[in-house]
Amino acid sequence: MKIIIRINPLFVALFCLLVQLSTCDLTGWPALDVPPPNRTDFTAKVDLTKVRNAPLNLVSNIANGTCPTTDPYCYNPCSKCTRSDDILHCPTVNDWGLTFDDGPTNDTIAILDLLKSYNLKITFFVVGSRVVSKSDVLLRAFQEGHQIGVHTWSHPYLTTQATEQVISELEWSAEIIKNVTGARPLYMRPPYSDYDDRIRDIASQLGYRVVVWDKDSEDWHFKDPGFQISWIASNFSAWMNEKSTTGHISLEHDLFTVTAQQAPLVVDILTKAKRNIKPVADCLGFPAVATPASSSSVKSSSTCRSVKSSATMDINYSNSWLIILFLIFGVNNYYYIL
């Protein structure tokens, strides 16, 4: 028996349209890994008279390790200076804020699968421009209960940028995160831990808490000559034997396959040592987001917008059932041929 199916061409066209609408449209955003344009509405969120006037740093000074002779603005990379509001560790013994930076990427998916198998939640500090092509990965992380934090739009040394540019780096990233997840993040991590009092003032006025770390896996050295990737797991194993009066926050990266692949080893070490792996916000006991989406919308859909049409049309992920109906009823004739 043969089956011949004839499909109405009109339904084919409508089906293609629905497929397009059911996909997150993130066109029109600033370019990948390039500082975004300044926006006056972003700058207006900050009272510039209340931002301390720390001098701009030079990329060349950072590259060659040149530090100022004095440190009136608490520049972290040189003096390791911190302020009381800086978040370096979890306050409770055995709590572990596991964090990954620089995604989302395809390698984030394997980490999400791993965490799901353990029923664990962690924190991802994401680069806004990388969300454009990986919005599905970000949405999945958020829907599965992970904390999403701001890691700027293009991953620059923030102390080398003018104040208006710093604001744009943070706010463009927060805007795309909210566009995809429906929630505005409340935490930011400065790339390379490059921050001072000026960056603190900007972040604070925008509503962010600054998160760094007290346990660096050093995985970002993986391209260095002589570096052994096994040192990442070895670092975590060594930390399990240290005496501490607090919990910890560790730094890893999901930007590169080789570093992301260390996650199973790290999670195994932490769980066997009875550490309580959790998002940074949870270990602090504060909210992770300012404007959480409703539970029903997080589970089924997201208001994902093109920046060029952000004031007009929301695109909903829940169009898939319509696609199924069109496939069913679009078949207007079928014949059984014996």
C-alpha atoms as a PDB file:
ATOM      1  CA  MET A   1       0.000   0.000   0.000  1.00  0.00           C
ATOM      2  CA  LYS A   2       1.199   3.486  -0.917  1.00  0.00           C
ATOM      3  CA  ILE A   3       0.110   6.734   0.662  1.00  0.00           C
ATOM      4  CA  ILE A   4       0.087   9.966  -1.301  1.00  0.00           C
ATOM      5  CA  ILE A   5      -0.273  13.180   0.710  1.00  0.00           C
ATOM      6  CA  ARG A   6      -1.131  16.514  -0.883  1.00  0.00           C
ATOM      7  CA  ILE A   7      -0.470  19.639   1.221  1.00  0.00           C
ATOM      8  CA  ASN A   8      -2.053  23.000   0.615  1.00  0.00           C
ATOM      9  CA  PRO A   9       0.738  25.470  -0.355  1.00  0.00           C
ATOM     10  CA  LEU A  10      -0.868  28.175   1.790  1.00  0.00           C
ATOM     11  CA  PHE A  11      -0.319  26.073   4.870  1.00  0.00           C
ATOM     12  CA  VAL A  12       3.306  25.494   3.917  1.00  0.00           C
ATOM     13  CA  ALA A  13       3.865  29.249   3.850  1.00  0.00           C
ATOM     14  CA  LEU A  14       2.093  29.755   7.166  1.00  0.00           C
ATOM     15  CA  PHE A  15       4.052  26.916   8.709  1.00  0.00           C
ATOM     16  CA  CYS A  16       7.359  28.514   7.713  1.00  0.00           C
ATOM     17  CA  LEU A  17       6.218  31.812   9.211  1.00  0.00           C
ATOM     18  CA  LEU A  18       5.319  30.174  12.503  1.00  0.00           C
ATOM     19  CA  VAL A  19       8.678  28.424  12.687  1.00  0.00           C
ATOM     20  CA  GLN A  20      10.365  31.789  12.316  1.00  0.00           C
ATOM     21  CA  LEU A  21       8.171  33.413  14.961  1.00  0.00           C
ATOM     22  CA  SER A  22       8.744  30.557  17.404  1.00  0.00           C
ATOM     23  CA  THR A  23      12.483  31.218  17.319  1.00  0.00           C
ATOM     24  CA  CYS A  24      14.000  33.872  19.552  1.00  0.00           C
ATOM     25  CA  ASP A  25      14.724  36.903  17.359  1.00  0.00           C
ATOM     26  CA  LEU A  26      17.716  38.812  18.720  1.00  0.00           C
ATOM     27  CA  THR A  27      18.591  40.881  15.689  1.00  0.00           C
ATOM     28  CA  GLY A  28      19.875  44.423  15.861  1.00  0.00           C
ATOM     29  CA  TRP A  29      21.996  44.107  19.011  1.00  0.00           C
ATOM     30  CA  PRO A  30      25.568  45.450  19.197  1.00  0.00           C
ATOM     31  CA  ALA A  31      28.348  43.330  17.708  1.00  0.00           C
ATOM     32  CA  LEU A  32      29.991  40.318  19.305  1.00  0.00           C
ATOM     33  CA  ASP A  33      32.839  41.099  21.728  1.00  0.00           C
ATOM     34  CA  VAL A  34      32.941  44.772  20.704  1.00  0.00           C
ATOM     35  CA  PRO A  35      32.201  47.625  23.166  1.00  0.00           C
ATOM     36  CA  PRO A  36      28.571  48.639  22.602  1.00  0.00           C
ATOM     37  CA  PRO A  37      27.406  52.175  21.802  1.00  0.00           C
ATOM     38  CA  ASN A  38      26.598  54.503  24.667  1.00  0.00           C
ATOM     39  CA  ARG A  39      22.934  55.208  25.336  1.00  0.00           C
ATOM     40  CA  THR A  40      21.673  58.329  27.043  1.00  0.00           C
ATOM     41  CA  ASP A  41      18.899  56.404  28.802  1.00  0.00           C
ATOM     42  CA  PHE A  42      21.514  54.121  30.331  1.00  0.00           C
ATOM     43  CA  THR A  43      23.744  57.014  31.395  1.00  0.00           C
ATOM     44  CA  ALA A  44      20.768  58.788  32.969  1.00  0.00           C
ATOM     45  CA  LYS A  45      20.463  55.951  35.504  1.00  0.00           C
ATOM     46  CA  VAL A  46      23.692  57.081  37.200  1.00  0.00           C
ATOM     47  CA  ASP A  47      24.316  60.315  39.100  1.00  0.00           C
ATOM     48  CA  LEU A  48      27.783  61.045  37.724  1.00  0.00           C
ATOM     49  CA  THR A  49      28.511  63.507  40.544  1.00  0.00           C
ATOM     50  CA  LYS A  50      28.442  60.555  42.946  1.00  0.00           C
ATOM     51  CA  VAL A  51      30.956  58.479  40.991  1.00  0.00           C
ATOM     52  CA  ARG A  52      34.468  58.719  42.396  1.00  0.00           C
ATOM     53  CA  ASN A  53      36.947  60.178  39.946  1.00  0.00           C
ATOM     54  CA  ALA A  54      39.476  57.359  39.753  1.00  0.00           C
ATOM     55  CA  PRO A  55      41.830  57.870  36.797  1.00  0.00           C
ATOM     56  CA  LEU A  56      41.378  55.683  33.747  1.00  0.00           C
ATOM     57  CA  ASN A  57      43.855  52.868  33.521  1.00  0.00           C
ATOM     58  CA  LEU A  58      45.863  52.006  30.430  1.00  0.00           C
ATOM     59  CA  VAL A  59      45.643  48.597  28.795  1.00  0.00           C
ATOM     60  CA  SER A  60      49.421  48.703  28.351  1.00  0.00           C
ATOM     61  CA  ASN A  61      49.899  49.163  32.112  1.00  0.00           C
ATOM     62  CA  ILE A  62      47.649  46.210  32.818  1.00  0.00           C
ATOM     63  CA  ALA A  63      49.450  44.072  30.234  1.00  0.00           C
ATOM     64  CA  ASN A  64      52.906  44.717  31.695  1.00  0.00           C
ATOM     65  CA  GLY A  65      51.797  44.662  35.319  1.00  0.00           C
ATOM     66  CA  THR A  66      52.466  48.315  36.065  1.00  0.00           C
ATOM     67  CA  CYS A  67      50.678  49.378  39.239  1.00  0.00           C
ATOM     68  CA  PRO A  68      50.158  52.840  40.765  1.00  0.00           C
ATOM     69  CA  THR A  69      52.489  53.805  43.581  1.00  0.00           C
ATOM     70  CA  THR A  70      49.512  54.621  45.801  1.00  0.00           C
ATOM     71  CA  ASP A  71      46.024  53.152  45.840  1.00  0.00           C
ATOM     72  CA  PRO A  72      43.436  55.721  46.978  1.00  0.00           C
ATOM     73  CA  TYR A  73      40.706  54.126  44.857  1.00  0.00           C
ATOM     74  CA  CYS A  74      41.112  50.516  46.017  1.00  0.00           C
ATOM     75  CA  TYR A  75      42.215  49.038  42.691  1.00  0.00           C
ATOM     76  CA  ASN A  76      41.771  45.313  43.176  1.00  0.00           C
ATOM     77  CA  PRO A  77      44.185  43.721  40.664  1.00  0.00           C
ATOM     78  CA  CYS A  78      47.277  45.449  42.044  1.00  0.00           C
ATOM     79  CA  SER A  79      46.744  45.728  45.781  1.00  0.00           C
ATOM     80  CA  LYS A  80      44.011  43.080  46.179  1.00  0.00           C
ATOM     81  CA  CYS A  81      42.144  45.874  47.910  1.00  0.00           C
ATOM     82  CA  THR A  82      38.480  45.171  48.633  1.00  0.00           C
ATOM     83  CA  ARG A  83      35.630  47.151  50.149  1.00  0.00           C
ATOM     84  CA  SER A  84      33.074  45.845  52.610  1.00  0.00           C
ATOM     85  CA  ASP A  85      30.423  45.473  49.884  1.00  0.00           C
ATOM     86  CA  ASP A  86      32.621  43.357  47.607  1.00  0.00           C
ATOM     87  CA  ILE A  87      31.555  39.718  47.539  1.00  0.00           C
ATOM     88  CA  LEU A  88      34.498  37.323  47.687  1.00  0.00           C
ATOM     89  CA  HIS A  89      33.134  34.261  49.443  1.00  0.00           C
ATOM     90  CA  CYS A  90      30.033  32.608  50.858  1.00  0.00           C
ATOM     91  CA  PRO A  91      29.642  33.455  54.558  1.00  0.00           C
ATOM     92  CA  THR A  92      28.680  29.980  55.808  1.00  0.00           C
ATOM     93  CA  VAL A  93      31.220  27.192  56.234  1.00  0.00           C
ATOM     94  CA  ASN A  94      30.905  24.440  53.585  1.00  0.00           C
ATOM     95  CA  ASP A  95      28.762  26.569  51.269  1.00  0.00           C
ATOM     96  CA  TRP A  96      30.341  26.731  47.830  1.00  0.00           C
ATOM     97  CA  GLY A  97      29.398  29.295  45.211  1.00  0.00           C
ATOM     98  CA  LEU A  98      30.362  27.508  42.006  1.00  0.00           C
ATOM     99  CA  THR A  99      30.630  30.042  39.167  1.00  0.00           C
ATOM    100  CA  PHE A 100      31.407  29.911  35.460  1.00  0.00           C
ATOM    101  CA  ASP A 101      32.314  32.962  33.378  1.00  0.00           C
ATOM    102  CA  ASP A 102      32.334  34.048  29.737  1.00  0.00           C
ATOM    103  CA  GLY A 103      29.473  31.991  28.272  1.00  0.00           C
ATOM    104  CA  PRO A 104      27.008  31.058  27.122  1.00  0.00           C
ATOM    105  CA  THR A 105      28.596  28.634  24.650  1.00  0.00           C
ATOM    106  CA  ASN A 106      27.885  25.185  23.278  1.00  0.00           C
ATOM    107  CA  ASP A 107      30.072  23.834  26.089  1.00  0.00           C
ATOM    108  CA  THR A 108      27.664  25.301  28.639  1.00  0.00           C
ATOM    109  CA  ILE A 109      25.151  22.671  27.573  1.00  0.00           C
ATOM    110  CA  ALA A 110      27.229  19.782  28.912  1.00  0.00           C
ATOM    111  CA  ILE A 111      27.643  21.618  32.207  1.00  0.00           C
ATOM    112  CA  LEU A 112      23.880  22.115  32.436  1.00  0.00           C
ATOM    113  CA  ASP A 113      23.342  18.408  31.744  1.00  0.00           C
ATOM    114  CA  LEU A 114      25.815  17.554  34.497  1.00  0.00           C
ATOM    115  CA  LEU A 115      24.233  19.886  37.031  1.00  0.00           C
ATOM    116  CA  LYS A 116      20.771  18.577  36.198  1.00  0.00           C
ATOM    117  CA  SER A 117      21.898  15.012  36.888  1.00  0.00           C
ATOM    118  CA  TYR A 118      23.074  16.134  40.345  1.00  0.00           C
ATOM    119  CA  ASN A 119      20.081  18.461  40.903  1.00  0.00           C
ATOM    120  CA  LEU A 120      22.490  21.340  41.521  1.00  0.00           C
ATOM    121  CA  LYS A 121      22.175  25.077  40.865  1.00  0.00           C
ATOM    122  CA  ILE A 122      25.117  27.428  40.316  1.00  0.00           C
ATOM    123  CA  THR A 123      25.921  30.894  38.934  1.00  0.00           C
ATOM    124  CA  PHE A 124      26.800  31.817  35.356  1.00  0.00           C
ATOM    125  CA  PHE A 125      28.280  35.262  34.699  1.00  0.00           C
ATOM    126  CA  VAL A 126      27.516  35.773  31.027  1.00  0.00           C
ATOM    127  CA  VAL A 127      28.947  38.065  28.358  1.00  0.00           C
ATOM    128  CA  GLY A 128      25.973  39.881  26.855  1.00  0.00           C
ATOM    129  CA  SER A 129      27.122  39.826  23.243  1.00  0.00           C
ATOM    130  CA  ARG A 130      27.499  36.039  23.402  1.00  0.00           C
ATOM    131  CA  VAL A 131      23.865  35.678  24.416  1.00  0.00           C
ATOM    132  CA  VAL A 132      22.776  36.862  20.946  1.00  0.00           C
ATOM    133  CA  SER A 133      23.674  33.540  19.291  1.00  0.00           C
ATOM    134  CA  LYS A 134      23.143  31.360  22.374  1.00  0.00           C
ATOM    135  CA  SER A 135      19.895  32.700  23.825  1.00  0.00           C
ATOM    136  CA  ASP A 136      18.486  29.161  24.021  1.00  0.00           C
ATOM    137  CA  VAL A 137      21.359  28.093  26.261  1.00  0.00           C
ATOM    138  CA  LEU A 138      20.884  31.099  28.543  1.00  0.00           C
ATOM    139  CA  LEU A 139      17.141  30.533  28.735  1.00  0.00           C
ATOM    140  CA  ARG A 140      17.643  26.890  29.637  1.00  0.00           C
ATOM    141  CA  ALA A 141      20.092  27.800  32.418  1.00  0.00           C
ATOM    142  CA  PHE A 142      17.625  30.305  33.838  1.00  0.00           C
ATOM    143  CA  GLN A 143      14.642  27.970  33.547  1.00  0.00           C
ATOM    144  CA  GLU A 144      16.554  25.240  35.362  1.00  0.00           C
ATOM    145  CA  GLY A 145      17.129  27.524  38.343  1.00  0.00           C
ATOM    146  CA  HIS A 146      20.662  28.777  37.819  1.00  0.00           C
ATOM    147  CA  GLN A 147      21.625  32.329  38.701  1.00  0.00           C
ATOM    148  CA  ILE A 148      22.545  34.570  35.789  1.00  0.00           C
ATOM    149  CA  GLY A 149      24.902  37.486  36.404  1.00  0.00           C
ATOM    150  CA  VAL A 150      26.291  40.313  34.267  1.00  0.00           C
ATOM    151  CA  HIS A 151      29.833  39.941  32.940  1.00  0.00           C
ATOM    152  CA  THR A 152      29.674  43.009  30.649  1.00  0.00           C
ATOM    153  CA  TRP A 153      28.819  43.121  26.944  1.00  0.00           C
ATOM    154  CA  SER A 154      32.298  42.666  25.431  1.00  0.00           C
ATOM    155  CA  HIS A 155      34.565  41.547  28.316  1.00  0.00           C
ATOM    156  CA  PRO A 156      36.852  44.615  28.540  1.00  0.00           C
ATOM    157  CA  TYR A 157      39.102  45.941  31.272  1.00  0.00           C
ATOM    158  CA  LEU A 158      36.505  48.214  32.852  1.00  0.00           C
ATOM    159  CA  THR A 159      39.015  50.571  34.495  1.00  0.00           C
ATOM    160  CA  THR A 160      40.274  51.537  31.023  1.00  0.00           C
ATOM    161  CA  GLN A 161      36.846  52.759  29.921  1.00  0.00           C
ATOM    162  CA  ALA A 162      35.095  56.076  30.382  1.00  0.00           C
ATOM    163  CA  THR A 163      32.209  56.070  32.837  1.00  0.00           C
ATOM    164  CA  GLU A 164      29.519  56.245  30.146  1.00  0.00           C
ATOM    165  CA  GLN A 165      31.074  53.245  28.406  1.00  0.00           C
ATOM    166  CA  VAL A 166      31.196  51.227  31.625  1.00  0.00           C
ATOM    167  CA  ILE A 167      27.507  51.931  32.132  1.00  0.00           C
ATOM    168  CA  SER A 168      26.720  50.750  28.608  1.00  0.00           C
ATOM    169  CA  GLU A 169      28.781  47.577  29.050  1.00  0.00           C
ATOM    170  CA  LEU A 170      26.740  46.634  32.089  1.00  0.00           C
ATOM    171  CA  GLU A 171      23.325  47.780  30.918  1.00  0.00           C
ATOM    172  CA  TRP A 172      23.421  46.306  27.416  1.00  0.00           C
ATOM    173  CA  SER A 173      24.271  42.972  29.013  1.00  0.00           C
ATOM    174  CA  ALA A 174      21.520  43.271  31.618  1.00  0.00           C
ATOM    175  CA  GLU A 175      19.021  44.255  28.930  1.00  0.00           C
ATOM    176  CA  ILE A 176      19.620  41.215  26.770  1.00  0.00           C
ATOM    177  CA  ILE A 177      19.521  38.937  29.824  1.00  0.00           C
ATOM    178  CA  LYS A 178      16.151  40.397  30.802  1.00  0.00           C
ATOM    179  CA  ASN A 179      14.980  40.188  27.192  1.00  0.00           C
ATOM    180  CA  VAL A 180      15.639  36.452  27.116  1.00  0.00           C
ATOM    181  CA  THR A 181      14.736  35.457  30.687  1.00  0.00           C
ATOM    182  CA  GLY A 182      12.245  38.104  31.758  1.00  0.00           C
ATOM    183  CA  ALA A 183      14.371  38.941  34.801  1.00  0.00           C
ATOM    184  CA  ARG A 184      16.941  41.676  35.488  1.00  0.00           C
ATOM    185  CA  PRO A 185      20.086  40.400  37.239  1.00  0.00           C
ATOM    186  CA  LEU A 186      21.324  41.967  40.467  1.00  0.00           C
ATOM    187  CA  TYR A 187      24.933  40.785  40.398  1.00  0.00           C
ATOM    188  CA  MET A 188      27.906  41.628  38.183  1.00  0.00           C
ATOM    189  CA  ARG A 189      31.453  40.371  37.897  1.00  0.00           C
ATOM    190  CA  PRO A 190      34.132  42.663  36.424  1.00  0.00           C
ATOM    191  CA  PRO A 191      36.223  40.858  33.794  1.00  0.00           C
ATOM    192  CA  TYR A 192      39.741  40.032  35.007  1.00  0.00           C
ATOM    193  CA  SER A 193      38.661  41.329  38.442  1.00  0.00           C
ATOM    194  CA  ASP A 194      39.583  44.724  37.011  1.00  0.00           C
ATOM    195  CA  TYR A 195      37.700  47.221  39.161  1.00  0.00           C
ATOM    196  CA  ASP A 196      38.174  50.119  41.522  1.00  0.00           C
ATOM    197  CA  ASP A 197      35.985  52.593  43.427  1.00  0.00           C
ATOM    198  CA  ARG A 198      34.715  54.206  40.234  1.00  0.00           C
ATOM    199  CA  ILE A 199      33.458  50.851  38.955  1.00  0.00           C
ATOM    200  CA  ARG A 200      31.994  50.078  42.369  1.00  0.00           C
ATOM    201  CA  ASP A 201      30.059  53.362  42.371  1.00  0.00           C
ATOM    202  CA  ILE A 202      28.674  52.760  38.891  1.00  0.00           C
ATOM    203  CA  ALA A 203      27.654  49.191  39.670  1.00  0.00           C
ATOM    204  CA  SER A 204      26.030  50.180  42.952  1.00  0.00           C
ATOM    205  CA  GLN A 205      23.938  52.938  41.397  1.00  0.00           C
ATOM    206  CA  LEU A 206      22.768  50.527  38.702  1.00  0.00           C
ATOM    207  CA  GLY A 207      21.664  48.087  41.393  1.00  0.00           C
ATOM    208  CA  TYR A 208      24.405  45.460  41.101  1.00  0.00           C
ATOM    209  CA  ARG A 209      26.438  43.745  43.774  1.00  0.00           C
ATOM    210  CA  VAL A 210      30.056  43.156  42.725  1.00  0.00           C
ATOM    211  CA  VAL A 211      31.113  39.498  42.904  1.00  0.00           C
ATOM    212  CA  VAL A 212      34.661  38.269  42.557  1.00  0.00           C
ATOM    213  CA  TRP A 213      36.078  35.076  44.127  1.00  0.00           C
ATOM    214  CA  ASP A 214      38.442  33.707  46.734  1.00  0.00           C
ATOM    215  CA  LYS A 215      39.254  30.444  44.912  1.00  0.00           C
ATOM    216  CA  ASP A 216      40.649  30.790  41.407  1.00  0.00           C
ATOM    217  CA  SER A 217      40.866  27.496  39.519  1.00  0.00           C
ATOM    218  CA  GLU A 218      43.483  29.110  37.253  1.00  0.00           C
ATOM    219  CA  ASP A 219      41.806  27.402  34.290  1.00  0.00           C
ATOM    220  CA  TRP A 220      42.293  30.576  32.249  1.00  0.00           C
ATOM    221  CA  HIS A 221      46.006  29.690  32.120  1.00  0.00           C
ATOM    222  CA  PHE A 222      45.288  26.554  30.101  1.00  0.00           C
ATOM    223  CA  LYS A 223      47.018  27.940  26.989  1.00  0.00           C
ATOM    224  CA  ASP A 224      50.211  28.752  28.872  1.00  0.00           C
ATOM    225  CA  PRO A 225      53.260  26.594  28.036  1.00  0.00           C
ATOM    226  CA  GLY A 226      53.666  23.855  30.594  1.00  0.00           C
ATOM    227  CA  PHE A 227      50.176  24.226  32.053  1.00  0.00           C
ATOM    228  CA  GLN A 228      48.577  20.899  32.909  1.00  0.00           C
ATOM    229  CA  ILE A 229      44.814  20.747  32.757  1.00  0.00           C
ATOM    230  CA  SER A 230      44.834  18.280  35.675  1.00  0.00           C
ATOM    231  CA  TRP A 231      45.923  21.154  37.915  1.00  0.00           C
ATOM    232  CA  ILE A 232      42.327  22.446  37.946  1.00  0.00           C
ATOM    233  CA  ALA A 233      40.972  19.386  39.733  1.00  0.00           C
ATOM    234  CA  SER A 234      44.115  19.305  41.879  1.00  0.00           C
ATOM    235  CA  ASN A 235      43.408  22.845  43.068  1.00  0.00           C
ATOM    236  CA  PHE A 236      39.911  21.865  44.171  1.00  0.00           C
ATOM    237  CA  SER A 237      41.202  18.750  45.922  1.00  0.00           C
ATOM    238  CA  ALA A 238      43.751  20.833  47.816  1.00  0.00           C
ATOM    239  CA  TRP A 239      41.087  23.336  48.880  1.00  0.00           C
ATOM    240  CA  MET A 240      39.034  20.537  50.435  1.00  0.00           C
ATOM    241  CA  ASN A 241      41.822  20.029  52.971  1.00  0.00           C
ATOM    242  CA  GLU A 242      42.052  23.685  54.005  1.00  0.00           C
ATOM    243  CA  LYS A 243      40.613  24.935  57.280  1.00  0.00           C
ATOM    244  CA  SER A 244      38.217  27.824  56.830  1.00  0.00           C
ATOM    245  CA  THR A 245      35.768  29.890  58.847  1.00  0.00           C
ATOM    246  CA  THR A 246      33.689  30.760  55.767  1.00  0.00           C
ATOM    247  CA  GLY A 247      32.403  29.197  52.588  1.00  0.00           C
ATOM    248  CA  HIS A 248      33.947  29.974  49.219  1.00  0.00           C
ATOM    249  CA  ILE A 249      33.305  31.235  45.695  1.00  0.00           C
ATOM    250  CA  SER A 250      35.316  29.612  42.908  1.00  0.00           C
ATOM    251  CA  LEU A 251      36.099  30.831  39.406  1.00  0.00           C
ATOM    252  CA  GLU A 252      35.934  28.676  36.270  1.00  0.00           C
ATOM    253  CA  HIS A 253      35.150  29.310  32.603  1.00  0.00           C
ATOM    254  CA  ASP A 254      32.723  27.713  30.154  1.00  0.00           C
ATOM    255  CA  LEU A 255      34.120  29.626  27.174  1.00  0.00           C
ATOM    256  CA  PHE A 256      36.576  26.888  26.198  1.00  0.00           C
ATOM    257  CA  THR A 257      35.858  23.190  25.749  1.00  0.00           C
ATOM    258  CA  VAL A 258      38.928  22.032  27.651  1.00  0.00           C
ATOM    259  CA  THR A 259      38.046  24.101  30.744  1.00  0.00           C
ATOM    260  CA  ALA A 260      34.337  23.293  30.630  1.00  0.00           C
ATOM    261  CA  GLN A 261      35.225  19.592  30.511  1.00  0.00           C
ATOM    262  CA  GLN A 262      36.709  19.831  34.018  1.00  0.00           C
ATOM    263  CA  ALA A 263      33.267  20.438  35.514  1.00  0.00           C
ATOM    264  CA  PRO A 264      32.476  16.732  36.184  1.00  0.00           C
ATOM    265  CA  LEU A 265      35.716  16.328  38.127  1.00  0.00           C
ATOM    266  CA  VAL A 266      35.107  19.508  40.110  1.00  0.00           C
ATOM    267  CA  VAL A 267      31.507  18.657  40.996  1.00  0.00           C
ATOM    268  CA  ASP A 268      32.552  15.149  42.052  1.00  0.00           C
ATOM    269  CA  ILE A 269      35.275  16.548  44.331  1.00  0.00           C
ATOM    270  CA  LEU A 270      32.939  19.084  45.935  1.00  0.00           C
ATOM    271  CA  THR A 271      30.061  16.664  46.497  1.00  0.00           C
ATOM    272  CA  LYS A 272      32.283  13.963  47.960  1.00  0.00           C
ATOM    273  CA  ALA A 273      33.696  16.568  50.346  1.00  0.00           C
ATOM    274  CA  LYS A 274      30.131  17.428  51.453  1.00  0.00           C
ATOM    275  CA  ARG A 275      30.278  20.982  50.164  1.00  0.00           C
ATOM    276  CA  ASN A 276      26.936  22.675  49.567  1.00  0.00           C
ATOM    277  CA  ILE A 277      27.093  23.790  45.945  1.00  0.00           C
ATOM    278  CA  LYS A 278      24.739  26.693  45.315  1.00  0.00           C
ATOM    279  CA  PRO A 279      24.319  29.995  43.452  1.00  0.00           C
ATOM    280  CA  VAL A 280      26.124  32.977  44.938  1.00  0.00           C
ATOM    281  CA  ALA A 281      22.826  34.730  45.659  1.00  0.00           C
ATOM    282  CA  ASP A 282      21.616  31.716  47.625  1.00  0.00           C
ATOM    283  CA  CYS A 283      24.735  31.472  49.751  1.00  0.00           C
ATOM    284  CA  LEU A 284      24.336  35.175  50.593  1.00  0.00           C
ATOM    285  CA  GLY A 285      20.610  34.902  51.250  1.00  0.00           C
ATOM    286  CA  PHE A 286      19.687  37.705  48.839  1.00  0.00           C
ATOM    287  CA  PRO A 287      17.549  37.709  45.656  1.00  0.00           C
ATOM    288  CA  ALA A 288      19.287  36.916  42.390  1.00  0.00           C
ATOM    289  CA  VAL A 289      17.069  39.091  40.202  1.00  0.00           C
ATOM    290  CA  ALA A 290      15.143  42.340  40.522  1.00  0.00           C
ATOM    291  CA  THR A 291      12.227  41.527  38.242  1.00  0.00           C
ATOM    292  CA  PRO A 292      11.546  37.795  38.261  1.00  0.00           C
ATOM    293  CA  ALA A 293       9.320  36.338  35.572  1.00  0.00           C
ATOM    294  CA  SER A 294       6.235  34.436  36.711  1.00  0.00           C
ATOM    295  CA  SER A 295       6.728  30.719  37.183  1.00  0.00           C
ATOM    296  CA  SER A 296       4.299  29.911  34.370  1.00  0.00           C
ATOM    297  CA  SER A 297       6.072  32.121  31.850  1.00  0.00           C
ATOM    298  CA  VAL A 298       9.499  30.852  32.811  1.00  0.00           C
ATOM    299  CA  LYS A 299       8.446  27.258  32.259  1.00  0.00           C
ATOM    300  CA  SER A 300       6.727  27.756  28.940  1.00  0.00           C
ATOM    301  CA  SER A 301       7.843  30.907  27.201  1.00  0.00           C
ATOM    302  CA  SER A 302      10.041  33.957  27.097  1.00  0.00           C
ATOM    303  CA  THR A 303       9.480  37.460  25.791  1.00  0.00           C
ATOM    304  CA  CYS A 304      12.384  37.572  23.412  1.00  0.00           C
ATOM    305  CA  ARG A 305      12.669  40.745  21.380  1.00  0.00           C
ATOM    306  CA  SER A 306      14.682  42.250  18.619  1.00  0.00           C
ATOM    307  CA  VAL A 307      16.310  45.411  19.910  1.00  0.00           C
ATOM    308  CA  LYS A 308      14.997  47.221  16.838  1.00  0.00           C
ATOM    309  CA  SER A 309      11.415  46.357  17.710  1.00  0.00           C
ATOM    310  CA  SER A 310      11.638  46.185  21.481  1.00  0.00           C
ATOM    311  CA  ALA A 311       8.732  48.575  21.956  1.00  0.00           C
ATOM    312  CA  THR A 312       6.377  46.655  19.729  1.00  0.00           C
ATOM    313  CA  MET A 313       6.242  42.911  19.378  1.00  0.00           C
ATOM    314  CA  ASP A 314       6.857  40.139  21.897  1.00  0.00           C
ATOM    315  CA  ILE A 315       7.748  36.789  20.376  1.00  0.00           C
ATOM    316  CA  ASN A 316       6.498  33.828  22.362  1.00  0.00           C
ATOM    317  CA  TYR A 317       8.116  30.413  22.410  1.00  0.00           C
ATOM    318  CA  SER A 318       4.744  28.714  22.946  1.00  0.00           C
ATOM    319  CA  ASN A 319       3.793  28.809  19.259  1.00  0.00           C
ATOM    320  CA  SER A 320       4.849  25.188  18.842  1.00  0.00           C
ATOM    321  CA  TRP A 321       1.327  23.860  19.382  1.00  0.00           C
ATOM    322  CA  LEU A 322       0.129  26.057  16.528  1.00  0.00           C
ATOM    323  CA  ILE A 323       2.781  24.564  14.304  1.00  0.00           C
ATOM    324  CA  ILE A 324       1.494  21.074  15.128  1.00  0.00           C
ATOM    325  CA  LEU A 325      -2.076  22.081  14.300  1.00  0.00           C
ATOM    326  CA  PHE A 326      -1.010  23.498  10.948  1.00  0.00           C
ATOM    327  CA  LEU A 327       0.822  20.295  10.145  1.00  0.00           C
ATOM    328  CA  ILE A 328      -2.283  18.268  10.954  1.00  0.00           C
ATOM    329  CA  PHE A 329      -4.905  20.377   9.233  1.00  0.00           C
ATOM    330  CA  GLY A 330      -2.619  21.531   6.441  1.00  0.00           C
ATOM    331  CA  VAL A 331      -2.934  18.105   4.898  1.00  0.00           C
ATOM    332  CA  ASN A 332      -6.097  18.702   2.914  1.00  0.00           C
ATOM    333  CA  ASN A 333      -6.098  15.489   0.898  1.00  0.00           C
ATOM    334  CA  TYR A 334      -4.595  12.082   1.283  1.00  0.00           C
ATOM    335  CA  TYR A 335      -5.143   8.919  -0.661  1.00  0.00           C
ATOM    336  CA  TYR A 336      -4.554   5.283  -0.026  1.00  0.00           C
ATOM    337  CA  ILE A 337      -3.386   3.489  -3.175  1.00  0.00           C
ATOM    338  CA  LEU A 338      -3.566  -0.261  -3.011  1.00  0.00           C
END
